[in-house]
Amino acid sequence: TDYNQLGFNLRSNLFQDGPLESRSLMKDSYTLDVIQKAVRDPDNWHGRRTDELGKWHRVNAQSVGVQKALKDKHG
């Protein structure tokens, strides 16, 4: 019944659209000159290079695979 009621509400357009202008915490917290001076480097993500993150994920996946294999072998 909940699914049918939700479908009815969606078809009836009871859920109105969101605000036309989106806001962000960064825009609300900093002045315009700080935002314009910000440098966005896609290769540097929160102080780590994406290559380093890729290597970490690969090693982590291998480690998890070894742990599962050892658990299956030794019970």
PDB file of N, CA and C in Angstrom:
ATOM      1  N   THR A   1       0.823  -1.206   0.000  1.00  0.00           N
ATOM      2  CA  THR A   1       0.000   0.000   0.000  1.00  0.00           C
ATOM      3  C   THR A   1       0.860   1.261   0.000  1.00  0.00           C
ATOM      4  N   ASP A   2       1.990   1.211   0.700  1.00  0.00           N
ATOM      5  CA  ASP A   2       2.875   2.377   0.725  1.00  0.00           C
ATOM      6  C   ASP A   2       3.426   2.673  -0.666  1.00  0.00           C
ATOM      7  N   TYR A   3       3.746   1.606  -1.396  1.00  0.00           N
ATOM      8  CA  TYR A   3       4.278   1.769  -2.750  1.00  0.00           C
ATOM      9  C   TYR A   3       3.231   2.408  -3.660  1.00  0.00           C
ATOM     10  N   ASN A   4       1.984   1.966  -3.549  1.00  0.00           N
ATOM     11  CA  ASN A   4       0.914   2.544  -4.371  1.00  0.00           C
ATOM     12  C   ASN A   4       0.656   3.997  -4.000  1.00  0.00           C
ATOM     13  N   GLN A   5       0.711   4.297  -2.714  1.00  0.00           N
ATOM     14  CA  GLN A   5       0.491   5.672  -2.268  1.00  0.00           C
ATOM     15  C   GLN A   5       1.615   6.586  -2.750  1.00  0.00           C
ATOM     16  N   LEU A   6       2.863   6.092  -2.699  1.00  0.00           N
ATOM     17  CA  LEU A   6       3.980   6.872  -3.201  1.00  0.00           C
ATOM     18  C   LEU A   6       3.834   7.115  -4.698  1.00  0.00           C
ATOM     19  N   GLY A   7       3.459   6.080  -5.449  1.00  0.00           N
ATOM     20  CA  GLY A   7       3.248   6.234  -6.886  1.00  0.00           C
ATOM     21  C   GLY A   7       2.153   7.240  -7.178  1.00  0.00           C
ATOM     22  N   PHE A   8       1.070   7.207  -6.401  1.00  0.00           N
ATOM     23  CA  PHE A   8      -0.016   8.172  -6.594  1.00  0.00           C
ATOM     24  C   PHE A   8       0.472   9.591  -6.332  1.00  0.00           C
ATOM     25  N   ASN A   9       1.267   9.767  -5.263  1.00  0.00           N
ATOM     26  CA  ASN A   9       1.780  11.097  -4.940  1.00  0.00           C
ATOM     27  C   ASN A   9       2.722  11.601  -6.016  1.00  0.00           C
ATOM     28  N   LEU A  10       3.528  10.715  -6.576  1.00  0.00           N
ATOM     29  CA  LEU A  10       4.434  11.134  -7.640  1.00  0.00           C
ATOM     30  C   LEU A  10       3.663  11.511  -8.904  1.00  0.00           C
ATOM     31  N   ARG A  11       2.653  10.734  -9.227  1.00  0.00           N
ATOM     32  CA  ARG A  11       1.852  11.052 -10.423  1.00  0.00           C
ATOM     33  C   ARG A  11       1.044  12.329 -10.226  1.00  0.00           C
ATOM     34  N   SER A  12       0.650  12.606  -8.990  1.00  0.00           N
ATOM     35  CA  SER A  12      -0.151  13.795  -8.712  1.00  0.00           C
ATOM     36  C   SER A  12       0.701  15.047  -8.573  1.00  0.00           C
ATOM     37  N   ASN A  13       2.018  14.885  -8.596  1.00  0.00           N
ATOM     38  CA  ASN A  13       2.961  15.988  -8.460  1.00  0.00           C
ATOM     39  C   ASN A  13       2.798  16.707  -7.126  1.00  0.00           C
ATOM     40  N   LEU A  14       2.630  15.924  -6.058  1.00  0.00           N
ATOM     41  CA  LEU A  14       2.561  16.520  -4.730  1.00  0.00           C
ATOM     42  C   LEU A  14       3.941  16.956  -4.254  1.00  0.00           C
ATOM     43  N   PHE A  15       4.971  16.295  -4.773  1.00  0.00           N
ATOM     44  CA  PHE A  15       6.332  16.650  -4.405  1.00  0.00           C
ATOM     45  C   PHE A  15       6.818  17.718  -5.380  1.00  0.00           C
ATOM     46  N   GLN A  16       6.862  18.936  -4.931  1.00  0.00           N
ATOM     47  CA  GLN A  16       7.241  20.044  -5.802  1.00  0.00           C
ATOM     48  C   GLN A  16       8.747  20.054  -6.024  1.00  0.00           C
ATOM     49  N   ASP A  17       9.174  20.778  -7.030  1.00  0.00           N
ATOM     50  CA  ASP A  17      10.597  20.884  -7.340  1.00  0.00           C
ATOM     51  C   ASP A  17      11.342  21.582  -6.215  1.00  0.00           C
ATOM     52  N   GLY A  18      12.650  21.357  -6.227  1.00  0.00           N
ATOM     53  CA  GLY A  18      13.514  21.987  -5.248  1.00  0.00           C
ATOM     54  C   GLY A  18      13.769  23.438  -5.610  1.00  0.00           C
ATOM     55  N   PRO A  19      14.603  24.113  -4.847  1.00  0.00           N
ATOM     56  CA  PRO A  19      14.902  25.516  -5.148  1.00  0.00           C
ATOM     57  C   PRO A  19      15.648  25.630  -6.479  1.00  0.00           C
ATOM     58  N   LEU A  20      15.419  26.727  -7.178  1.00  0.00           N
ATOM     59  CA  LEU A  20      16.050  26.918  -8.474  1.00  0.00           C
ATOM     60  C   LEU A  20      17.536  27.231  -8.343  1.00  0.00           C
ATOM     61  N   GLU A  21      17.934  27.848  -7.249  1.00  0.00           N
ATOM     62  CA  GLU A  21      19.337  28.196  -7.040  1.00  0.00           C
ATOM     63  C   GLU A  21      19.904  27.294  -5.957  1.00  0.00           C
ATOM     64  N   SER A  22      20.954  26.564  -6.294  1.00  0.00           N
ATOM     65  CA  SER A  22      21.559  25.691  -5.293  1.00  0.00           C
ATOM     66  C   SER A  22      22.575  26.487  -4.476  1.00  0.00           C
ATOM     67  N   ARG A  23      22.749  26.071  -3.242  1.00  0.00           N
ATOM     68  CA  ARG A  23      23.685  26.735  -2.354  1.00  0.00           C
ATOM     69  C   ARG A  23      24.650  25.691  -1.826  1.00  0.00           C
ATOM     70  N   SER A  24      25.848  26.118  -1.500  1.00  0.00           N
ATOM     71  CA  SER A  24      26.822  25.192  -0.937  1.00  0.00           C
ATOM     72  C   SER A  24      27.427  25.803   0.314  1.00  0.00           C
ATOM     73  N   LEU A  25      27.948  24.934   1.156  1.00  0.00           N
ATOM     74  CA  LEU A  25      28.562  25.388   2.396  1.00  0.00           C
ATOM     75  C   LEU A  25      29.808  26.202   2.106  1.00  0.00           C
ATOM     76  N   MET A  26      30.563  25.808   1.073  1.00  0.00           N
ATOM     77  CA  MET A  26      31.775  26.556   0.737  1.00  0.00           C
ATOM     78  C   MET A  26      31.433  27.977   0.302  1.00  0.00           C
ATOM     79  N   LYS A  27      30.407  28.126  -0.533  1.00  0.00           N
ATOM     80  CA  LYS A  27      30.032  29.463  -0.991  1.00  0.00           C
ATOM     81  C   LYS A  27      29.492  30.313   0.151  1.00  0.00           C
ATOM     82  N   ASP A  28      28.812  29.662   1.097  1.00  0.00           N
ATOM     83  CA  ASP A  28      28.282  30.410   2.241  1.00  0.00           C
ATOM     84  C   ASP A  28      29.373  30.766   3.247  1.00  0.00           C
ATOM     85  N   SER A  29      30.444  29.959   3.307  1.00  0.00           N
ATOM     86  CA  SER A  29      31.457  30.144   4.336  1.00  0.00           C
ATOM     87  C   SER A  29      32.572  31.105   3.935  1.00  0.00           C
ATOM     88  N   TYR A  30      32.884  31.154   2.634  1.00  0.00           N
ATOM     89  CA  TYR A  30      34.033  31.941   2.187  1.00  0.00           C
ATOM     90  C   TYR A  30      33.580  33.096   1.295  1.00  0.00           C
ATOM     91  N   THR A  31      34.432  34.117   1.234  1.00  0.00           N
ATOM     92  CA  THR A  31      34.137  35.244   0.364  1.00  0.00           C
ATOM     93  C   THR A  31      34.471  34.866  -1.076  1.00  0.00           C
ATOM     94  N   LEU A  32      34.013  35.658  -2.016  1.00  0.00           N
ATOM     95  CA  LEU A  32      34.160  35.337  -3.437  1.00  0.00           C
ATOM     96  C   LEU A  32      35.621  35.284  -3.870  1.00  0.00           C
ATOM     97  N   ASP A  33      36.473  36.150  -3.308  1.00  0.00           N
ATOM     98  CA  ASP A  33      37.873  36.140  -3.729  1.00  0.00           C
ATOM     99  C   ASP A  33      38.583  34.856  -3.326  1.00  0.00           C
ATOM    100  N   VAL A  34      38.214  34.256  -2.187  1.00  0.00           N
ATOM    101  CA  VAL A  34      38.827  32.992  -1.766  1.00  0.00           C
ATOM    102  C   VAL A  34      38.431  31.876  -2.723  1.00  0.00           C
ATOM    103  N   ILE A  35      37.179  31.848  -3.130  1.00  0.00           N
ATOM    104  CA  ILE A  35      36.693  30.811  -4.046  1.00  0.00           C
ATOM    105  C   ILE A  35      37.358  30.957  -5.409  1.00  0.00           C
ATOM    106  N   GLN A  36      37.545  32.192  -5.872  1.00  0.00           N
ATOM    107  CA  GLN A  36      38.162  32.401  -7.182  1.00  0.00           C
ATOM    108  C   GLN A  36      39.644  32.048  -7.159  1.00  0.00           C
ATOM    109  N   LYS A  37      40.312  32.214  -6.023  1.00  0.00           N
ATOM    110  CA  LYS A  37      41.736  31.893  -5.922  1.00  0.00           C
ATOM    111  C   LYS A  37      41.982  30.409  -5.707  1.00  0.00           C
ATOM    112  N   ALA A  38      40.946  29.642  -5.380  1.00  0.00           N
ATOM    113  CA  ALA A  38      41.119  28.220  -5.098  1.00  0.00           C
ATOM    114  C   ALA A  38      41.610  27.493  -6.343  1.00  0.00           C
ATOM    115  N   VAL A  39      42.584  26.633  -6.148  1.00  0.00           N
ATOM    116  CA  VAL A  39      43.153  25.862  -7.247  1.00  0.00           C
ATOM    117  C   VAL A  39      42.608  24.440  -7.153  1.00  0.00           C
ATOM    118  N   ARG A  40      41.986  23.991  -8.224  1.00  0.00           N
ATOM    119  CA  ARG A  40      41.442  22.636  -8.252  1.00  0.00           C
ATOM    120  C   ARG A  40      42.308  21.783  -9.169  1.00  0.00           C
ATOM    121  N   ASP A  41      43.041  20.875  -8.573  1.00  0.00           N
ATOM    122  CA  ASP A  41      43.937  20.007  -9.327  1.00  0.00           C
ATOM    123  C   ASP A  41      43.347  18.592  -9.324  1.00  0.00           C
ATOM    124  N   PRO A  42      42.911  18.083 -10.469  1.00  0.00           N
ATOM    125  CA  PRO A  42      42.295  16.750 -10.472  1.00  0.00           C
ATOM    126  C   PRO A  42      43.273  15.635 -10.129  1.00  0.00           C
ATOM    127  N   ASP A  43      44.592  15.889 -10.272  1.00  0.00           N
ATOM    128  CA  ASP A  43      45.577  14.866  -9.938  1.00  0.00           C
ATOM    129  C   ASP A  43      45.906  14.849  -8.453  1.00  0.00           C
ATOM    130  N   ASN A  44      45.532  15.901  -7.728  1.00  0.00           N
ATOM    131  CA  ASN A  44      45.830  15.988  -6.307  1.00  0.00           C
ATOM    132  C   ASN A  44      44.510  16.006  -5.555  1.00  0.00           C
ATOM    133  N   TRP A  45      44.194  14.934  -4.857  1.00  0.00           N
ATOM    134  CA  TRP A  45      42.898  14.791  -4.194  1.00  0.00           C
ATOM    135  C   TRP A  45      43.128  14.748  -2.698  1.00  0.00           C
ATOM    136  N   HIS A  46      42.818  15.833  -2.002  1.00  0.00           N
ATOM    137  CA  HIS A  46      42.986  15.961  -0.553  1.00  0.00           C
ATOM    138  C   HIS A  46      44.412  15.637  -0.133  1.00  0.00           C
ATOM    139  N   GLY A  47      45.379  16.150  -0.897  1.00  0.00           N
ATOM    140  CA  GLY A  47      46.767  15.971  -0.520  1.00  0.00           C
ATOM    141  C   GLY A  47      47.381  14.673  -1.001  1.00  0.00           C
ATOM    142  N   ARG A  48      46.600  13.792  -1.614  1.00  0.00           N
ATOM    143  CA  ARG A  48      47.141  12.534  -2.133  1.00  0.00           C
ATOM    144  C   ARG A  48      47.004  12.527  -3.646  1.00  0.00           C
ATOM    145  N   ARG A  49      47.964  11.963  -4.307  1.00  0.00           N
ATOM    146  CA  ARG A  49      47.883  11.828  -5.757  1.00  0.00           C
ATOM    147  C   ARG A  49      46.953  10.671  -6.084  1.00  0.00           C
ATOM    148  N   THR A  50      46.236  10.793  -7.184  1.00  0.00           N
ATOM    149  CA  THR A  50      45.308   9.728  -7.542  1.00  0.00           C
ATOM    150  C   THR A  50      46.051   8.428  -7.827  1.00  0.00           C
ATOM    151  N   ASP A  51      47.297   8.509  -8.306  1.00  0.00           N
ATOM    152  CA  ASP A  51      48.074   7.297  -8.534  1.00  0.00           C
ATOM    153  C   ASP A  51      48.330   6.564  -7.215  1.00  0.00           C
ATOM    154  N   GLU A  52      48.614   7.318  -6.168  1.00  0.00           N
ATOM    155  CA  GLU A  52      48.828   6.710  -4.861  1.00  0.00           C
ATOM    156  C   GLU A  52      47.552   6.040  -4.355  1.00  0.00           C
ATOM    157  N   LEU A  53      46.412   6.686  -4.575  1.00  0.00           N
ATOM    158  CA  LEU A  53      45.151   6.086  -4.148  1.00  0.00           C
ATOM    159  C   LEU A  53      44.874   4.808  -4.921  1.00  0.00           C
ATOM    160  N   GLY A  54      45.166   4.808  -6.219  1.00  0.00           N
ATOM    161  CA  GLY A  54      44.963   3.607  -7.018  1.00  0.00           C
ATOM    162  C   GLY A  54      45.836   2.467  -6.539  1.00  0.00           C
ATOM    163  N   LYS A  55      47.095   2.769  -6.222  1.00  0.00           N
ATOM    164  CA  LYS A  55      48.004   1.735  -5.703  1.00  0.00           C
ATOM    165  C   LYS A  55      47.506   1.204  -4.371  1.00  0.00           C
ATOM    166  N   TRP A  56      47.038   2.079  -3.505  1.00  0.00           N
ATOM    167  CA  TRP A  56      46.552   1.638  -2.203  1.00  0.00           C
ATOM    168  C   TRP A  56      45.352   0.713  -2.368  1.00  0.00           C
ATOM    169  N   HIS A  57      44.406   1.071  -3.250  1.00  0.00           N
ATOM    170  CA  HIS A  57      43.226   0.234  -3.453  1.00  0.00           C
ATOM    171  C   HIS A  57      43.611  -1.129  -4.034  1.00  0.00           C
ATOM    172  N   ARG A  58      44.578  -1.155  -4.945  1.00  0.00           N
ATOM    173  CA  ARG A  58      45.007  -2.417  -5.539  1.00  0.00           C
ATOM    174  C   ARG A  58      45.627  -3.312  -4.463  1.00  0.00           C
ATOM    175  N   VAL A  59      46.519  -2.759  -3.635  1.00  0.00           N
ATOM    176  CA  VAL A  59      47.154  -3.536  -2.568  1.00  0.00           C
ATOM    177  C   VAL A  59      46.114  -3.983  -1.553  1.00  0.00           C
ATOM    178  N   ASN A  60      45.166  -3.129  -1.244  1.00  0.00           N
ATOM    179  CA  ASN A  60      44.120  -3.483  -0.284  1.00  0.00           C
ATOM    180  C   ASN A  60      43.268  -4.633  -0.817  1.00  0.00           C
ATOM    181  N   ALA A  61      42.918  -4.593  -2.099  1.00  0.00           N
ATOM    182  CA  ALA A  61      42.127  -5.666  -2.688  1.00  0.00           C
ATOM    183  C   ALA A  61      42.895  -6.980  -2.675  1.00  0.00           C
ATOM    184  N   GLN A  62      44.191  -6.932  -2.952  1.00  0.00           N
ATOM    185  CA  GLN A  62      45.007  -8.141  -2.895  1.00  0.00           C
ATOM    186  C   GLN A  62      45.071  -8.682  -1.468  1.00  0.00           C
ATOM    187  N   SER A  63      45.206  -7.811  -0.502  1.00  0.00           N
ATOM    188  CA  SER A  63      45.269  -8.219   0.898  1.00  0.00           C
ATOM    189  C   SER A  63      43.968  -8.887   1.331  1.00  0.00           C
ATOM    190  N   VAL A  64      42.850  -8.320   0.934  1.00  0.00           N
ATOM    191  CA  VAL A  64      41.553  -8.908   1.278  1.00  0.00           C
ATOM    192  C   VAL A  64      41.410 -10.273   0.622  1.00  0.00           C
ATOM    193  N   GLY A  65      41.879 -10.405  -0.630  1.00  0.00           N
ATOM    194  CA  GLY A  65      41.819 -11.694  -1.313  1.00  0.00           C
ATOM    195  C   GLY A  65      42.654 -12.743  -0.618  1.00  0.00           C
ATOM    196  N   VAL A  66      43.850 -12.373  -0.164  1.00  0.00           N
ATOM    197  CA  VAL A  66      44.714 -13.313   0.560  1.00  0.00           C
ATOM    198  C   VAL A  66      44.067 -13.721   1.875  1.00  0.00           C
ATOM    199  N   GLN A  67      43.477 -12.753   2.578  1.00  0.00           N
ATOM    200  CA  GLN A  67      42.819 -13.077   3.846  1.00  0.00           C
ATOM    201  C   GLN A  67      41.657 -14.031   3.635  1.00  0.00           C
ATOM    202  N   LYS A  68      40.873 -13.848   2.588  1.00  0.00           N
ATOM    203  CA  LYS A  68      39.755 -14.759   2.295  1.00  0.00           C
ATOM    204  C   LYS A  68      40.276 -16.145   1.940  1.00  0.00           C
ATOM    205  N   ALA A  69      41.346 -16.217   1.134  1.00  0.00           N
ATOM    206  CA  ALA A  69      41.903 -17.517   0.752  1.00  0.00           C
ATOM    207  C   ALA A  69      42.431 -18.257   1.972  1.00  0.00           C
ATOM    208  N   LEU A  70      43.124 -17.560   2.863  1.00  0.00           N
ATOM    209  CA  LEU A  70      43.631 -18.197   4.073  1.00  0.00           C
ATOM    210  C   LEU A  70      42.480 -18.666   4.973  1.00  0.00           C
ATOM    211  N   LYS A  71      41.433 -17.889   5.039  1.00  0.00           N
ATOM    212  CA  LYS A  71      40.288 -18.270   5.869  1.00  0.00           C
ATOM    213  C   LYS A  71      39.601 -19.497   5.291  1.00  0.00           C
ATOM    214  N   ASP A  72      39.473 -19.550   3.956  1.00  0.00           N
ATOM    215  CA  ASP A  72      38.851 -20.720   3.324  1.00  0.00           C
ATOM    216  C   ASP A  72      39.723 -21.962   3.501  1.00  0.00           C
ATOM    217  N   LYS A  73      41.039 -21.798   3.425  1.00  0.00           N
ATOM    218  CA  LYS A  73      41.946 -22.936   3.518  1.00  0.00           C
ATOM    219  C   LYS A  73      42.011 -23.494   4.946  1.00  0.00           C
ATOM    220  N   HIS A  74      42.084 -22.595   5.919  1.00  0.00           N
ATOM    221  CA  HIS A  74      42.258 -23.017   7.304  1.00  0.00           C
ATOM    222  C   HIS A  74      40.959 -23.020   8.105  1.00  0.00           C
ATOM    223  N   GLY A  75      39.899 -22.639   7.488  1.00  0.00           N
ATOM    224  CA  GLY A  75      38.603 -22.673   8.153  1.00  0.00           C
ATOM    225  C   GLY A  75      38.423 -21.509   9.013  1.00  0.00           C
TER     226      GLY A  75
END
